[in-house]
Amino acid sequence: MYEVLGIARSTNYYESKKEPENDSLTKEIIKVFKARRNNYGKRKNKIDLEKKDLMVSRRRIGRIMKVEGLVSSDTVAQFKPFKAKVNEEPVKNILNSAFDHQQN
């Protein structure tokens, strides 16, 4: 029968998964993000959304988070560079000063 119709047999087993709408998905991502006190990034948010039976890629979650301005508090830079220049003070050359004392 599949040969007559010219389709693959696997189409019989194919089950399409409905993607959630962007508006409801955005609201759900914001809700999950706020529930975790702004600590979770896209990977952990994906796990929480999977628990709610929402299949969304983490890249899509990342795009939505970027558009909404949601930034995890853990991703803020922890390292703060030292503002003053290191070793600004001139170094005395001990060898030259010792050599000058010997010649005098």
PDB file of N, CA and C in Angstrom:
ATOM      1  N   MET A   1       0.797  -1.190   0.000  1.00  0.00           N
ATOM      2  CA  MET A   1       0.000   0.000   0.000  1.00  0.00           C
ATOM      3  C   MET A   1       0.854   1.275   0.000  1.00  0.00           C
ATOM      4  N   TYR A   2       1.940   1.251   0.801  1.00  0.00           N
ATOM      5  CA  TYR A   2       2.812   2.421   0.874  1.00  0.00           C
ATOM      6  C   TYR A   2       3.530   2.664  -0.454  1.00  0.00           C
ATOM      7  N   GLU A   3       3.853   1.543  -1.140  1.00  0.00           N
ATOM      8  CA  GLU A   3       4.525   1.675  -2.442  1.00  0.00           C
ATOM      9  C   GLU A   3       3.591   2.301  -3.465  1.00  0.00           C
ATOM     10  N   VAL A   4       2.333   1.948  -3.402  1.00  0.00           N
ATOM     11  CA  VAL A   4       1.353   2.499  -4.341  1.00  0.00           C
ATOM     12  C   VAL A   4       1.176   3.988  -4.113  1.00  0.00           C
ATOM     13  N   LEU A   5       1.113   4.370  -2.835  1.00  0.00           N
ATOM     14  CA  LEU A   5       0.945   5.796  -2.494  1.00  0.00           C
ATOM     15  C   LEU A   5       2.246   6.586  -2.628  1.00  0.00           C
ATOM     16  N   GLY A   6       3.357   5.871  -2.620  1.00  0.00           N
ATOM     17  CA  GLY A   6       4.658   6.532  -2.765  1.00  0.00           C
ATOM     18  C   GLY A   6       5.114   7.252  -1.500  1.00  0.00           C
ATOM     19  N   ILE A   7       4.763   6.670  -0.344  1.00  0.00           N
ATOM     20  CA  ILE A   7       5.193   7.267   0.919  1.00  0.00           C
ATOM     21  C   ILE A   7       5.938   6.219   1.735  1.00  0.00           C
ATOM     22  N   ALA A   8       6.700   6.676   2.685  1.00  0.00           N
ATOM     23  CA  ALA A   8       7.484   5.775   3.524  1.00  0.00           C
ATOM     24  C   ALA A   8       6.589   5.131   4.585  1.00  0.00           C
ATOM     25  N   ARG A   9       6.975   3.929   5.001  1.00  0.00           N
ATOM     26  CA  ARG A   9       6.192   3.240   6.028  1.00  0.00           C
ATOM     27  C   ARG A   9       6.277   3.944   7.384  1.00  0.00           C
ATOM     28  N   SER A  10       7.346   4.687   7.581  1.00  0.00           N
ATOM     29  CA  SER A  10       7.526   5.353   8.873  1.00  0.00           C
ATOM     30  C   SER A  10       6.498   6.456   9.115  1.00  0.00           C
ATOM     31  N   THR A  11       5.830   6.920   8.057  1.00  0.00           N
ATOM     32  CA  THR A  11       4.821   7.959   8.249  1.00  0.00           C
ATOM     33  C   THR A  11       3.636   7.438   9.060  1.00  0.00           C
ATOM     34  N   ASN A  12       3.450   6.144   9.079  1.00  0.00           N
ATOM     35  CA  ASN A  12       2.383   5.552   9.882  1.00  0.00           C
ATOM     36  C   ASN A  12       2.654   5.744  11.372  1.00  0.00           C
ATOM     37  N   TYR A  13       3.927   5.758  11.741  1.00  0.00           N
ATOM     38  CA  TYR A  13       4.312   5.858  13.147  1.00  0.00           C
ATOM     39  C   TYR A  13       4.623   7.283  13.575  1.00  0.00           C
ATOM     40  N   TYR A  14       4.637   8.201  12.633  1.00  0.00           N
ATOM     41  CA  TYR A  14       4.980   9.593  12.930  1.00  0.00           C
ATOM     42  C   TYR A  14       3.872  10.249  13.741  1.00  0.00           C
ATOM     43  N   GLU A  15       4.280  10.890  14.813  1.00  0.00           N
ATOM     44  CA  GLU A  15       3.332  11.602  15.658  1.00  0.00           C
ATOM     45  C   GLU A  15       3.845  13.027  15.819  1.00  0.00           C
ATOM     46  N   SER A  16       3.134  13.969  15.285  1.00  0.00           N
ATOM     47  CA  SER A  16       3.622  15.346  15.353  1.00  0.00           C
ATOM     48  C   SER A  16       3.443  15.896  16.759  1.00  0.00           C
ATOM     49  N   LYS A  17       4.460  16.635  17.196  1.00  0.00           N
ATOM     50  CA  LYS A  17       4.415  17.264  18.514  1.00  0.00           C
ATOM     51  C   LYS A  17       4.075  18.726  18.310  1.00  0.00           C
ATOM     52  N   LYS A  18       3.084  19.171  18.990  1.00  0.00           N
ATOM     53  CA  LYS A  18       2.666  20.555  18.849  1.00  0.00           C
ATOM     54  C   LYS A  18       3.604  21.451  19.637  1.00  0.00           C
ATOM     55  N   GLU A  19       4.074  22.483  18.969  1.00  0.00           N
ATOM     56  CA  GLU A  19       4.933  23.449  19.645  1.00  0.00           C
ATOM     57  C   GLU A  19       4.056  24.452  20.378  1.00  0.00           C
ATOM     58  N   PRO A  20       4.437  24.792  21.591  1.00  0.00           N
ATOM     59  CA  PRO A  20       3.661  25.798  22.309  1.00  0.00           C
ATOM     60  C   PRO A  20       3.783  27.157  21.624  1.00  0.00           C
ATOM     61  N   GLU A  21       2.753  27.962  21.761  1.00  0.00           N
ATOM     62  CA  GLU A  21       2.781  29.287  21.153  1.00  0.00           C
ATOM     63  C   GLU A  21       3.814  30.150  21.853  1.00  0.00           C
ATOM     64  N   ASN A  22       4.345  31.138  21.125  1.00  0.00           N
ATOM     65  CA  ASN A  22       5.379  31.993  21.686  1.00  0.00           C
ATOM     66  C   ASN A  22       4.925  32.774  22.901  1.00  0.00           C
ATOM     67  N   ASP A  23       3.689  33.294  22.874  1.00  0.00           N
ATOM     68  CA  ASP A  23       3.217  34.098  23.995  1.00  0.00           C
ATOM     69  C   ASP A  23       3.118  33.271  25.268  1.00  0.00           C
ATOM     70  N   SER A  24       2.497  32.105  25.158  1.00  0.00           N
ATOM     71  CA  SER A  24       2.357  31.264  26.346  1.00  0.00           C
ATOM     72  C   SER A  24       3.710  30.716  26.780  1.00  0.00           C
ATOM     73  N   LEU A  25       4.574  30.425  25.810  1.00  0.00           N
ATOM     74  CA  LEU A  25       5.909  29.928  26.131  1.00  0.00           C
ATOM     75  C   LEU A  25       6.727  31.002  26.834  1.00  0.00           C
ATOM     76  N   THR A  26       6.651  32.228  26.341  1.00  0.00           N
ATOM     77  CA  THR A  26       7.384  33.330  26.962  1.00  0.00           C
ATOM     78  C   THR A  26       6.922  33.535  28.399  1.00  0.00           C
ATOM     79  N   LYS A  27       5.630  33.510  28.611  1.00  0.00           N
ATOM     80  CA  LYS A  27       5.096  33.674  29.968  1.00  0.00           C
ATOM     81  C   LYS A  27       5.561  32.551  30.877  1.00  0.00           C
ATOM     82  N   GLU A  28       5.605  31.342  30.338  1.00  0.00           N
ATOM     83  CA  GLU A  28       6.025  30.185  31.140  1.00  0.00           C
ATOM     84  C   GLU A  28       7.514  30.276  31.487  1.00  0.00           C
ATOM     85  N   ILE A  29       8.334  30.720  30.540  1.00  0.00           N
ATOM     86  CA  ILE A  29       9.766  30.864  30.799  1.00  0.00           C
ATOM     87  C   ILE A  29      10.003  31.930  31.860  1.00  0.00           C
ATOM     88  N   ILE A  30       9.298  33.052  31.767  1.00  0.00           N
ATOM     89  CA  ILE A  30       9.434  34.114  32.774  1.00  0.00           C
ATOM     90  C   ILE A  30       8.992  33.593  34.142  1.00  0.00           C
ATOM     91  N   LYS A  31       7.913  32.824  34.159  1.00  0.00           N
ATOM     92  CA  LYS A  31       7.390  32.280  35.408  1.00  0.00           C
ATOM     93  C   LYS A  31       8.408  31.339  36.059  1.00  0.00           C
ATOM     94  N   VAL A  32       9.003  30.459  35.259  1.00  0.00           N
ATOM     95  CA  VAL A  32      10.013  29.523  35.776  1.00  0.00           C
ATOM     96  C   VAL A  32      11.246  30.280  36.242  1.00  0.00           C
ATOM     97  N   PHE A  33      11.648  31.286  35.469  1.00  0.00           N
ATOM     98  CA  PHE A  33      12.838  32.066  35.804  1.00  0.00           C
ATOM     99  C   PHE A  33      12.651  32.799  37.134  1.00  0.00           C
ATOM    100  N   LYS A  34      11.495  33.418  37.316  1.00  0.00           N
ATOM    101  CA  LYS A  34      11.211  34.156  38.548  1.00  0.00           C
ATOM    102  C   LYS A  34      11.034  33.206  39.732  1.00  0.00           C
ATOM    103  N   ALA A  35      10.481  32.012  39.481  1.00  0.00           N
ATOM    104  CA  ALA A  35      10.283  31.042  40.557  1.00  0.00           C
ATOM    105  C   ALA A  35      11.616  30.581  41.147  1.00  0.00           C
ATOM    106  N   ARG A  36      12.642  30.593  40.348  1.00  0.00           N
ATOM    107  CA  ARG A  36      13.980  30.178  40.805  1.00  0.00           C
ATOM    108  C   ARG A  36      14.847  31.367  41.201  1.00  0.00           C
ATOM    109  N   ARG A  37      14.226  32.473  41.500  1.00  0.00           N
ATOM    110  CA  ARG A  37      14.885  33.695  42.000  1.00  0.00           C
ATOM    111  C   ARG A  37      15.992  34.182  41.065  1.00  0.00           C
ATOM    112  N   ASN A  38      15.746  34.114  39.768  1.00  0.00           N
ATOM    113  CA  ASN A  38      16.641  34.630  38.730  1.00  0.00           C
ATOM    114  C   ASN A  38      18.021  33.957  38.726  1.00  0.00           C
ATOM    115  N   ASN A  39      18.099  32.745  39.269  1.00  0.00           N
ATOM    116  CA  ASN A  39      19.393  32.060  39.327  1.00  0.00           C
ATOM    117  C   ASN A  39      19.614  31.107  38.165  1.00  0.00           C
ATOM    118  N   TYR A  40      18.548  30.583  37.593  1.00  0.00           N
ATOM    119  CA  TYR A  40      18.684  29.551  36.575  1.00  0.00           C
ATOM    120  C   TYR A  40      18.916  30.149  35.201  1.00  0.00           C
ATOM    121  N   GLY A  41      19.779  29.491  34.430  1.00  0.00           N
ATOM    122  CA  GLY A  41      20.007  29.864  33.046  1.00  0.00           C
ATOM    123  C   GLY A  41      19.147  29.003  32.138  1.00  0.00           C
ATOM    124  N   LYS A  42      19.505  28.995  30.867  1.00  0.00           N
ATOM    125  CA  LYS A  42      18.660  28.302  29.894  1.00  0.00           C
ATOM    126  C   LYS A  42      18.674  26.786  30.076  1.00  0.00           C
ATOM    127  N   ARG A  43      19.763  26.207  30.518  1.00  0.00           N
ATOM    128  CA  ARG A  43      19.825  24.748  30.648  1.00  0.00           C
ATOM    129  C   ARG A  43      18.941  24.246  31.784  1.00  0.00           C
ATOM    130  N   LYS A  44      19.022  24.905  32.924  1.00  0.00           N
ATOM    131  CA  LYS A  44      18.197  24.470  34.052  1.00  0.00           C
ATOM    132  C   LYS A  44      16.735  24.844  33.838  1.00  0.00           C
ATOM    133  N   ASN A  45      16.487  25.951  33.155  1.00  0.00           N
ATOM    134  CA  ASN A  45      15.107  26.299  32.824  1.00  0.00           C
ATOM    135  C   ASN A  45      14.509  25.258  31.891  1.00  0.00           C
ATOM    136  N   LYS A  46      15.313  24.720  31.006  1.00  0.00           N
ATOM    137  CA  LYS A  46      14.842  23.674  30.091  1.00  0.00           C
ATOM    138  C   LYS A  46      14.396  22.446  30.882  1.00  0.00           C
ATOM    139  N   ILE A  47      15.139  22.085  31.894  1.00  0.00           N
ATOM    140  CA  ILE A  47      14.782  20.929  32.723  1.00  0.00           C
ATOM    141  C   ILE A  47      13.456  21.179  33.432  1.00  0.00           C
ATOM    142  N   ASP A  48      13.277  22.387  33.969  1.00  0.00           N
ATOM    143  CA  ASP A  48      12.017  22.717  34.646  1.00  0.00           C
ATOM    144  C   ASP A  48      10.843  22.717  33.677  1.00  0.00           C
ATOM    145  N   LEU A  49      11.066  23.196  32.457  1.00  0.00           N
ATOM    146  CA  LEU A  49       9.992  23.202  31.461  1.00  0.00           C
ATOM    147  C   LEU A  49       9.639  21.779  31.011  1.00  0.00           C
ATOM    148  N   GLU A  50      10.657  20.899  30.951  1.00  0.00           N
ATOM    149  CA  GLU A  50      10.389  19.501  30.599  1.00  0.00           C
ATOM    150  C   GLU A  50       9.545  18.814  31.663  1.00  0.00           C
ATOM    151  N   LYS A  51       9.728  19.227  32.930  1.00  0.00           N
ATOM    152  CA  LYS A  51       8.903  18.666  34.005  1.00  0.00           C
ATOM    153  C   LYS A  51       7.442  19.074  33.836  1.00  0.00           C
ATOM    154  N   LYS A  52       7.223  20.201  33.164  1.00  0.00           N
ATOM    155  CA  LYS A  52       5.861  20.666  32.893  1.00  0.00           C
ATOM    156  C   LYS A  52       5.375  20.200  31.516  1.00  0.00           C
ATOM    157  N   ASP A  53       6.070  19.246  30.930  1.00  0.00           N
ATOM    158  CA  ASP A  53       5.727  18.659  29.621  1.00  0.00           C
ATOM    159  C   ASP A  53       5.775  19.662  28.482  1.00  0.00           C
ATOM    160  N   LEU A  54       6.703  20.593  28.542  1.00  0.00           N
ATOM    161  CA  LEU A  54       6.932  21.534  27.437  1.00  0.00           C
ATOM    162  C   LEU A  54       8.276  21.199  26.800  1.00  0.00           C
ATOM    163  N   MET A  55       8.256  20.763  25.557  1.00  0.00           N
ATOM    164  CA  MET A  55       9.481  20.417  24.856  1.00  0.00           C
ATOM    165  C   MET A  55       9.959  21.632  24.057  1.00  0.00           C
ATOM    166  N   VAL A  56      11.013  22.258  24.536  1.00  0.00           N
ATOM    167  CA  VAL A  56      11.559  23.448  23.895  1.00  0.00           C
ATOM    168  C   VAL A  56      13.068  23.315  23.910  1.00  0.00           C
ATOM    169  N   SER A  57      13.716  23.713  22.832  1.00  0.00           N
ATOM    170  CA  SER A  57      15.173  23.644  22.803  1.00  0.00           C
ATOM    171  C   SER A  57      15.753  24.735  23.689  1.00  0.00           C
ATOM    172  N   ARG A  58      16.956  24.474  24.207  1.00  0.00           N
ATOM    173  CA  ARG A  58      17.560  25.472  25.086  1.00  0.00           C
ATOM    174  C   ARG A  58      17.993  26.699  24.303  1.00  0.00           C
ATOM    175  N   ARG A  59      18.234  26.549  23.016  1.00  0.00           N
ATOM    176  CA  ARG A  59      18.584  27.718  22.201  1.00  0.00           C
ATOM    177  C   ARG A  59      17.379  28.650  22.052  1.00  0.00           C
ATOM    178  N   ARG A  60      16.211  28.048  21.898  1.00  0.00           N
ATOM    179  CA  ARG A  60      15.001  28.868  21.822  1.00  0.00           C
ATOM    180  C   ARG A  60      14.730  29.552  23.160  1.00  0.00           C
ATOM    181  N   ILE A  61      14.959  28.815  24.248  1.00  0.00           N
ATOM    182  CA  ILE A  61      14.801  29.415  25.570  1.00  0.00           C
ATOM    183  C   ILE A  61      15.771  30.566  25.734  1.00  0.00           C
ATOM    184  N   GLY A  62      17.009  30.377  25.251  1.00  0.00           N
ATOM    185  CA  GLY A  62      18.015  31.434  25.334  1.00  0.00           C
ATOM    186  C   GLY A  62      17.621  32.665  24.540  1.00  0.00           C
ATOM    187  N   ARG A  63      17.048  32.460  23.348  1.00  0.00           N
ATOM    188  CA  ARG A  63      16.605  33.603  22.535  1.00  0.00           C
ATOM    189  C   ARG A  63      15.488  34.368  23.223  1.00  0.00           C
ATOM    190  N   ILE A  64      14.541  33.637  23.791  1.00  0.00           N
ATOM    191  CA  ILE A  64      13.431  34.296  24.481  1.00  0.00           C
ATOM    192  C   ILE A  64      13.936  35.032  25.712  1.00  0.00           C
ATOM    193  N   MET A  65      14.863  34.411  26.450  1.00  0.00           N
ATOM    194  CA  MET A  65      15.421  35.071  27.632  1.00  0.00           C
ATOM    195  C   MET A  65      16.169  36.340  27.240  1.00  0.00           C
ATOM    196  N   LYS A  66      16.867  36.295  26.121  1.00  0.00           N
ATOM    197  CA  LYS A  66      17.614  37.465  25.663  1.00  0.00           C
ATOM    198  C   LYS A  66      16.668  38.597  25.277  1.00  0.00           C
ATOM    199  N   VAL A  67      15.579  38.261  24.560  1.00  0.00           N
ATOM    200  CA  VAL A  67      14.605  39.274  24.151  1.00  0.00           C
ATOM    201  C   VAL A  67      13.941  39.902  25.373  1.00  0.00           C
ATOM    202  N   GLU A  68      13.624  39.086  26.371  1.00  0.00           N
ATOM    203  CA  GLU A  68      12.950  39.571  27.573  1.00  0.00           C
ATOM    204  C   GLU A  68      13.912  40.215  28.568  1.00  0.00           C
ATOM    205  N   GLY A  69      15.222  40.101  28.321  1.00  0.00           N
ATOM    206  CA  GLY A  69      16.209  40.707  29.219  1.00  0.00           C
ATOM    207  C   GLY A  69      16.409  39.918  30.499  1.00  0.00           C
ATOM    208  N   LEU A  70      16.194  38.616  30.456  1.00  0.00           N
ATOM    209  CA  LEU A  70      16.373  37.769  31.627  1.00  0.00           C
ATOM    210  C   LEU A  70      17.805  37.264  31.663  1.00  0.00           C
ATOM    211  N   VAL A  71      18.554  37.688  32.677  1.00  0.00           N
ATOM    212  CA  VAL A  71      19.946  37.274  32.814  1.00  0.00           C
ATOM    213  C   VAL A  71      20.104  36.625  34.174  1.00  0.00           C
ATOM    214  N   SER A  72      20.670  35.450  34.191  1.00  0.00           N
ATOM    215  CA  SER A  72      20.878  34.741  35.443  1.00  0.00           C
ATOM    216  C   SER A  72      21.862  35.510  36.310  1.00  0.00           C
ATOM    217  N   SER A  73      21.591  35.528  37.603  1.00  0.00           N
ATOM    218  CA  SER A  73      22.488  36.245  38.508  1.00  0.00           C
ATOM    219  C   SER A  73      23.821  35.516  38.647  1.00  0.00           C
ATOM    220  N   ASP A  74      23.865  34.230  38.297  1.00  0.00           N
ATOM    221  CA  ASP A  74      25.119  33.479  38.360  1.00  0.00           C
ATOM    222  C   ASP A  74      26.033  33.783  37.183  1.00  0.00           C
ATOM    223  N   THR A  75      25.497  34.327  36.090  1.00  0.00           N
ATOM    224  CA  THR A  75      26.331  34.581  34.923  1.00  0.00           C
ATOM    225  C   THR A  75      27.008  35.945  34.966  1.00  0.00           C
ATOM    226  N   VAL A  76      26.703  36.749  35.968  1.00  0.00           N
ATOM    227  CA  VAL A  76      27.355  38.051  36.090  1.00  0.00           C
ATOM    228  C   VAL A  76      28.821  37.800  36.412  1.00  0.00           C
ATOM    229  N   ALA A  77      29.694  38.570  35.821  1.00  0.00           N
ATOM    230  CA  ALA A  77      31.128  38.357  35.979  1.00  0.00           C
ATOM    231  C   ALA A  77      31.523  38.423  37.455  1.00  0.00           C
ATOM    232  N   GLN A  78      32.213  37.404  37.911  1.00  0.00           N
ATOM    233  CA  GLN A  78      32.652  37.354  39.300  1.00  0.00           C
ATOM    234  C   GLN A  78      34.000  38.054  39.470  1.00  0.00           C
ATOM    235  N   PHE A  79      34.817  38.024  38.438  1.00  0.00           N
ATOM    236  CA  PHE A  79      36.143  38.607  38.515  1.00  0.00           C
ATOM    237  C   PHE A  79      36.075  40.102  38.234  1.00  0.00           C
ATOM    238  N   LYS A  80      36.667  40.877  39.124  1.00  0.00           N
ATOM    239  CA  LYS A  80      36.722  42.317  38.923  1.00  0.00           C
ATOM    240  C   LYS A  80      38.188  42.696  38.748  1.00  0.00           C
ATOM    241  N   PRO A  81      38.535  43.226  37.596  1.00  0.00           N
ATOM    242  CA  PRO A  81      39.945  43.527  37.346  1.00  0.00           C
ATOM    243  C   PRO A  81      40.449  44.639  38.260  1.00  0.00           C
ATOM    244  N   PHE A  82      41.720  44.559  38.584  1.00  0.00           N
ATOM    245  CA  PHE A  82      42.372  45.551  39.424  1.00  0.00           C
ATOM    246  C   PHE A  82      42.555  46.812  38.598  1.00  0.00           C
ATOM    247  N   LYS A  83      42.035  47.942  39.087  1.00  0.00           N
ATOM    248  CA  LYS A  83      42.014  49.153  38.272  1.00  0.00           C
ATOM    249  C   LYS A  83      43.371  49.851  38.189  1.00  0.00           C
ATOM    250  N   ALA A  84      44.140  49.839  39.255  1.00  0.00           N
ATOM    251  CA  ALA A  84      45.448  50.485  39.221  1.00  0.00           C
ATOM    252  C   ALA A  84      46.430  49.590  38.476  1.00  0.00           C
ATOM    253  N   LYS A  85      47.399  50.194  37.845  1.00  0.00           N
ATOM    254  CA  LYS A  85      48.391  49.406  37.118  1.00  0.00           C
ATOM    255  C   LYS A  85      49.312  48.716  38.113  1.00  0.00           C
ATOM    256  N   VAL A  86      49.639  47.508  37.790  1.00  0.00           N
ATOM    257  CA  VAL A  86      50.494  46.722  38.656  1.00  0.00           C
ATOM    258  C   VAL A  86      51.939  47.164  38.451  1.00  0.00           C
ATOM    259  N   ASN A  87      52.692  47.233  39.526  1.00  0.00           N
ATOM    260  CA  ASN A  87      54.123  47.569  39.498  1.00  0.00           C
ATOM    261  C   ASN A  87      54.379  48.950  38.902  1.00  0.00           C
ATOM    262  N   GLU A  88      53.597  49.923  39.288  1.00  0.00           N
ATOM    263  CA  GLU A  88      53.825  51.282  38.799  1.00  0.00           C
ATOM    264  C   GLU A  88      55.070  51.891  39.421  1.00  0.00           C
ATOM    265  N   GLU A  89      55.327  51.522  40.650  1.00  0.00           N
ATOM    266  CA  GLU A  89      56.460  52.099  41.370  1.00  0.00           C
ATOM    267  C   GLU A  89      57.766  51.636  40.734  1.00  0.00           C
ATOM    268  N   PRO A  90      58.690  52.575  40.470  1.00  0.00           N
ATOM    269  CA  PRO A  90      59.961  52.163  39.858  1.00  0.00           C
ATOM    270  C   PRO A  90      60.760  51.292  40.829  1.00  0.00           C
ATOM    271  N   VAL A  91      61.421  50.317  40.272  1.00  0.00           N
ATOM    272  CA  VAL A  91      62.195  49.382  41.081  1.00  0.00           C
ATOM    273  C   VAL A  91      63.626  49.882  41.146  1.00  0.00           C
ATOM    274  N   LYS A  92      64.165  49.909  42.350  1.00  0.00           N
ATOM    275  CA  LYS A  92      65.565  50.309  42.512  1.00  0.00           C
ATOM    276  C   LYS A  92      66.456  49.157  42.086  1.00  0.00           C
ATOM    277  N   ASN A  93      67.461  49.490  41.337  1.00  0.00           N
ATOM    278  CA  ASN A  93      68.408  48.479  40.903  1.00  0.00           C
ATOM    279  C   ASN A  93      69.460  48.327  41.991  1.00  0.00           C
ATOM    280  N   ILE A  94      69.341  47.275  42.739  1.00  0.00           N
ATOM    281  CA  ILE A  94      70.235  47.059  43.887  1.00  0.00           C
ATOM    282  C   ILE A  94      71.660  46.832  43.419  1.00  0.00           C
ATOM    283  N   LEU A  95      71.857  46.156  42.324  1.00  0.00           N
ATOM    284  CA  LEU A  95      73.199  45.854  41.842  1.00  0.00           C
ATOM    285  C   LEU A  95      73.934  47.135  41.437  1.00  0.00           C
ATOM    286  N   ASN A  96      73.248  48.020  40.714  1.00  0.00           N
ATOM    287  CA  ASN A  96      73.895  49.264  40.297  1.00  0.00           C
ATOM    288  C   ASN A  96      74.225  50.144  41.493  1.00  0.00           C
ATOM    289  N   SER A  97      73.339  50.230  42.467  1.00  0.00           N
ATOM    290  CA  SER A  97      73.615  51.067  43.632  1.00  0.00           C
ATOM    291  C   SER A  97      74.768  50.488  44.441  1.00  0.00           C
ATOM    292  N   ALA A  98      74.885  49.153  44.539  1.00  0.00           N
ATOM    293  CA  ALA A  98      75.998  48.523  45.249  1.00  0.00           C
ATOM    294  C   ALA A  98      77.295  48.752  44.475  1.00  0.00           C
ATOM    295  N   PHE A  99      77.221  48.704  43.166  1.00  0.00           N
ATOM    296  CA  PHE A  99      78.393  48.904  42.344  1.00  0.00           C
ATOM    297  C   PHE A  99      78.891  50.354  42.450  1.00  0.00           C
ATOM    298  N   ASP A 100      77.963  51.322  42.521  1.00  0.00           N
ATOM    299  CA  ASP A 100      78.322  52.734  42.666  1.00  0.00           C
ATOM    300  C   ASP A 100      78.993  52.979  44.010  1.00  0.00           C
ATOM    301  N   HIS A 101      78.575  52.332  45.069  1.00  0.00           N
ATOM    302  CA  HIS A 101      79.156  52.514  46.396  1.00  0.00           C
ATOM    303  C   HIS A 101      80.575  51.954  46.437  1.00  0.00           C
ATOM    304  N   GLN A 102      80.846  50.877  45.708  1.00  0.00           N
ATOM    305  CA  GLN A 102      82.161  50.271  45.704  1.00  0.00           C
ATOM    306  C   GLN A 102      83.160  51.150  44.977  1.00  0.00           C
ATOM    307  N   GLN A 103      82.697  51.854  43.926  1.00  0.00           N
ATOM    308  CA  GLN A 103      83.609  52.695  43.147  1.00  0.00           C
ATOM    309  C   GLN A 103      83.948  53.976  43.907  1.00  0.00           C
ATOM    310  N   ASN A 104      83.083  54.436  44.762  1.00  0.00           N
ATOM    311  CA  ASN A 104      83.370  55.678  45.495  1.00  0.00           C
ATOM    312  C   ASN A 104      84.257  55.421  46.608  1.00  0.00           C
TER     313      ASN A 104
END
